[in-house]
């Protein structure tokens, strides 16, 4: 979470509880479509917190997301993603992440944790960069983070696809997830 990737806390980040601010936190995804273009979308982060320990290896992260909020800019595609072919939001109305470890790696940190999508839990490693701390005009102390991970749809039993006439499939298995996080320090 710092440029030096030590386990000590970066400047401004203090121990304690930081609550994710859903109105300033975004989970986005990118997936290759028809092998020639990319589809981008978002899913709302509905809650979560970061518990910062005396060093980053003693810290933890939890988050919940609402797949019924998926937005790709196309209502028909969004409806298909919400259906049983993909996310099945009627059956699996919440996704979650719970960290299991934090470690330094190169110039970044990796937050390892259990990601649950579509009722399936897989261990993932989020490469995470600390963006700094600021006090907003309302007196809230905020910390910013960016994180990313690439997952396989098949690992989460999201297997719907269609064959293309020239070969290949309509939707790539590989999905890049990017997170832009704003967390508020709790008293």
Protein backbone atom coordinates (compact mmCIF):
# COMPACT_ATOMS: atom_id res chain seq x y z
CA UNK A 1 0.00 0.00 0.00
CA UNK A 2 3.07 2.23 -0.14
CA UNK A 3 5.72 2.79 -2.73
CA UNK A 4 8.32 1.08 -0.53
CA UNK A 5 6.15 -1.96 0.29
CA UNK A 6 7.19 -2.27 3.89
CA UNK A 7 4.97 -3.63 6.59
CA UNK A 8 5.11 -0.33 8.49
CA UNK A 9 2.17 2.00 8.08
CA UNK A 10 2.46 4.60 5.31
CA UNK A 11 2.41 8.27 6.28
CA UNK A 12 -1.04 9.38 7.41
CA UNK A 13 -2.56 5.92 7.72
CA UNK A 14 -3.27 5.30 11.40
CA UNK A 15 -4.32 2.20 13.29
CA UNK A 16 -8.00 1.59 13.90
CA UNK A 17 -11.17 1.08 11.91
CA UNK A 18 -11.71 2.69 8.52
CA UNK A 19 -15.21 2.25 7.05
CA UNK A 20 -15.59 1.98 3.27
CA UNK A 21 -17.59 4.87 1.83
CA UNK A 22 -19.91 3.27 -0.77
CA UNK A 23 -20.59 6.62 -2.47
CA UNK A 24 -16.86 7.10 -3.15
CA UNK A 25 -15.82 3.47 -3.64
CA UNK A 26 -16.17 1.62 -6.94
CA UNK A 27 -15.69 -1.92 -8.15
CA UNK A 28 -15.27 -2.12 -11.91
CA UNK A 29 -14.60 -4.98 -14.28
CA UNK A 30 -13.34 -5.47 -17.80
CA UNK A 31 -13.91 -8.56 -19.95
CA UNK A 32 -13.01 -9.21 -23.57
CA UNK A 33 -16.07 -9.50 -25.87
CA UNK A 34 -16.02 -11.50 -29.11
CA UNK A 35 -12.23 -11.54 -28.90
CA UNK A 36 -11.99 -8.05 -30.39
CA UNK A 37 -13.27 -5.50 -27.88
CA UNK A 38 -13.75 -5.01 -24.16
CA UNK A 39 -16.88 -4.54 -22.11
CA UNK A 40 -16.53 -2.51 -18.93
CA UNK A 41 -18.93 -2.30 -16.05
CA UNK A 42 -19.39 -1.59 -12.38
CA UNK A 43 -20.93 -3.28 -9.35
CA UNK A 44 -21.79 -1.25 -6.23
CA UNK A 45 -19.76 -1.76 -3.09
CA UNK A 46 -22.39 -1.62 -0.32
CA UNK A 47 -20.19 -1.77 2.76
CA UNK A 48 -17.02 -2.92 4.41
CA UNK A 49 -14.15 -1.90 6.58
CA UNK A 50 -10.41 -1.87 6.86
CA UNK A 51 -8.94 -2.67 10.27
CA UNK A 52 -5.43 -1.23 10.31
CA UNK A 53 -3.04 -2.89 12.74
CA UNK A 54 0.30 -1.69 14.11
CA UNK A 55 1.87 -2.98 10.90
CA UNK A 56 0.13 -3.86 7.66
CA UNK A 57 0.48 -7.62 8.17
CA UNK A 58 -1.86 -7.23 11.17
CA UNK A 59 -4.51 -5.48 9.07
CA UNK A 60 -7.68 -6.87 7.51
CA UNK A 61 -10.30 -5.91 4.94
CA UNK A 62 -13.94 -6.90 4.44
CA UNK A 63 -16.36 -5.75 1.76
CA UNK A 64 -19.81 -6.54 0.40
CA UNK A 65 -21.06 -5.89 -3.12
CA UNK A 66 -24.52 -5.93 -4.71
CA UNK A 67 -24.54 -7.76 -8.08
CA UNK A 68 -28.06 -6.48 -8.84
CA UNK A 69 -26.44 -3.06 -9.42
CA UNK A 70 -24.30 -4.28 -12.33
CA UNK A 71 -24.06 -1.55 -14.95
CA UNK A 72 -22.36 -1.81 -18.34
CA UNK A 73 -24.18 1.00 -20.10
CA UNK A 74 -26.54 -1.39 -21.89
CA UNK A 75 -29.83 -2.32 -20.19
CA UNK A 76 -30.25 -5.57 -22.17
CA UNK A 77 -26.74 -6.75 -21.31
CA UNK A 78 -27.21 -5.74 -17.66
CA UNK A 79 -30.44 -7.77 -17.53
CA UNK A 80 -28.65 -10.78 -19.00
CA UNK A 81 -25.81 -10.45 -16.46
CA UNK A 82 -28.36 -10.38 -13.61
CA UNK A 83 -30.11 -13.52 -14.93
CA UNK A 84 -29.43 -17.17 -14.07
CA UNK A 85 -27.11 -17.34 -17.11
CA UNK A 86 -24.56 -15.24 -15.19
CA UNK A 87 -24.89 -13.71 -11.71
CA UNK A 88 -28.34 -15.12 -10.80
CA UNK A 89 -28.99 -12.18 -8.47
CA UNK A 90 -32.29 -13.66 -7.27
CA UNK A 91 -30.37 -16.57 -5.75
CA UNK A 92 -26.99 -14.92 -5.06
CA UNK A 93 -27.86 -11.38 -4.01
CA UNK A 94 -24.56 -10.50 -2.34
CA UNK A 95 -20.88 -10.89 -3.09
CA UNK A 96 -18.22 -10.58 -0.42
CA UNK A 97 -14.51 -10.30 0.23
CA UNK A 98 -12.69 -11.10 3.49
CA UNK A 99 -8.93 -10.80 3.69
CA UNK A 100 -6.78 -13.57 5.12
CA UNK A 101 -3.34 -11.91 4.87
CA UNK A 102 -1.48 -8.78 3.80
CA UNK A 103 2.07 -8.96 2.50
CA UNK A 104 4.62 -6.72 0.84
CA UNK A 105 5.44 -7.47 -2.79
CA UNK A 106 7.82 -5.32 -4.80
CA UNK A 107 6.64 -1.73 -4.67
CA UNK A 108 3.08 -2.67 -3.68
CA UNK A 109 1.21 -4.76 -1.15
CA UNK A 110 -0.95 -7.78 -1.77
CA UNK A 111 -4.18 -8.29 0.13
CA UNK A 112 -4.96 -12.01 0.02
CA UNK A 113 -8.52 -13.03 0.74
CA UNK A 114 -11.64 -15.02 0.04
CA UNK A 115 -13.81 -13.59 -2.75
CA UNK A 116 -17.35 -14.97 -2.98
CA UNK A 117 -19.22 -14.48 -6.25
CA UNK A 118 -22.22 -16.51 -7.41
CA UNK A 119 -22.09 -18.58 -4.19
CA UNK A 120 -18.53 -19.74 -4.90
CA UNK A 121 -15.56 -18.71 -2.76
CA UNK A 122 -12.04 -18.54 -4.18
CA UNK A 123 -8.81 -17.17 -2.78
CA UNK A 124 -7.59 -14.11 -4.69
CA UNK A 125 -4.65 -11.73 -4.40
CA UNK A 126 -5.42 -8.03 -4.79
CA UNK A 127 -2.39 -5.97 -5.75
CA UNK A 128 -3.00 -2.84 -3.68
CA UNK A 129 -1.59 0.67 -3.76
CA UNK A 130 -2.10 3.23 -0.99
CA UNK A 131 -3.16 6.60 -2.46
CA UNK A 132 -2.84 8.76 0.65
CA UNK A 133 -4.88 10.37 3.40
CA UNK A 134 -6.86 13.62 3.29
CA UNK A 135 -9.36 15.45 5.47
CA UNK A 136 -12.50 16.31 3.51
CA UNK A 137 -14.50 19.57 3.93
CA UNK A 138 -16.80 17.80 6.42
CA UNK A 139 -13.96 16.88 8.79
CA UNK A 140 -13.73 13.20 7.78
CA UNK A 141 -10.25 11.71 7.57
CA UNK A 142 -10.20 9.59 4.40
CA UNK A 143 -7.72 7.03 3.10
CA UNK A 144 -7.59 6.04 -0.55
CA UNK A 145 -6.54 2.73 -2.08
CA UNK A 146 -6.50 1.20 -5.54
CA UNK A 147 -6.47 -2.56 -6.02
CA UNK A 148 -6.77 -5.01 -8.89
CA UNK A 149 -7.00 -8.72 -9.59
CA UNK A 150 -7.64 -10.93 -12.61
CA UNK A 151 -10.02 -13.85 -12.10
CA UNK A 152 -11.35 -16.73 -14.15
CA UNK A 153 -15.15 -16.71 -14.60
CA UNK A 154 -15.09 -20.51 -14.62
CA UNK A 155 -13.58 -20.56 -11.11
CA UNK A 156 -16.82 -18.92 -9.93
CA UNK A 157 -19.07 -21.22 -12.01
CA UNK A 158 -19.90 -18.37 -14.41
CA UNK A 159 -19.70 -20.46 -17.55
CA UNK A 160 -22.37 -19.11 -19.94
CA UNK A 161 -20.96 -18.46 -23.39
CA UNK A 162 -21.73 -18.59 -27.10
CA UNK A 163 -19.51 -19.90 -29.87
CA UNK A 164 -18.44 -17.48 -32.59
CA UNK A 165 -18.77 -18.39 -36.26
CA UNK A 166 -15.06 -17.76 -36.90
CA UNK A 167 -14.04 -19.69 -33.77
CA UNK A 168 -13.61 -18.66 -30.18
CA UNK A 169 -16.30 -17.55 -27.78
CA UNK A 170 -18.35 -14.43 -27.14
CA UNK A 171 -17.22 -13.78 -23.54
CA UNK A 172 -13.64 -14.24 -22.34
CA UNK A 173 -13.00 -16.34 -19.25
CA UNK A 174 -10.54 -13.75 -17.93
CA UNK A 175 -12.06 -10.81 -16.01
CA UNK A 176 -10.02 -7.90 -14.66
CA UNK A 177 -11.46 -6.39 -11.48
CA UNK A 178 -10.32 -2.93 -10.35
CA UNK A 179 -11.21 -1.25 -7.07
CA UNK A 180 -11.03 2.44 -6.20
CA UNK A 181 -11.56 2.69 -2.45
CA UNK A 182 -12.25 5.60 -0.12
CA UNK A 183 -12.42 4.74 3.58
CA UNK A 184 -13.31 7.02 6.48
CA UNK A 185 -11.50 6.81 9.82
CA UNK A 186 -13.84 5.96 12.68
CA UNK A 187 -13.50 7.65 16.09
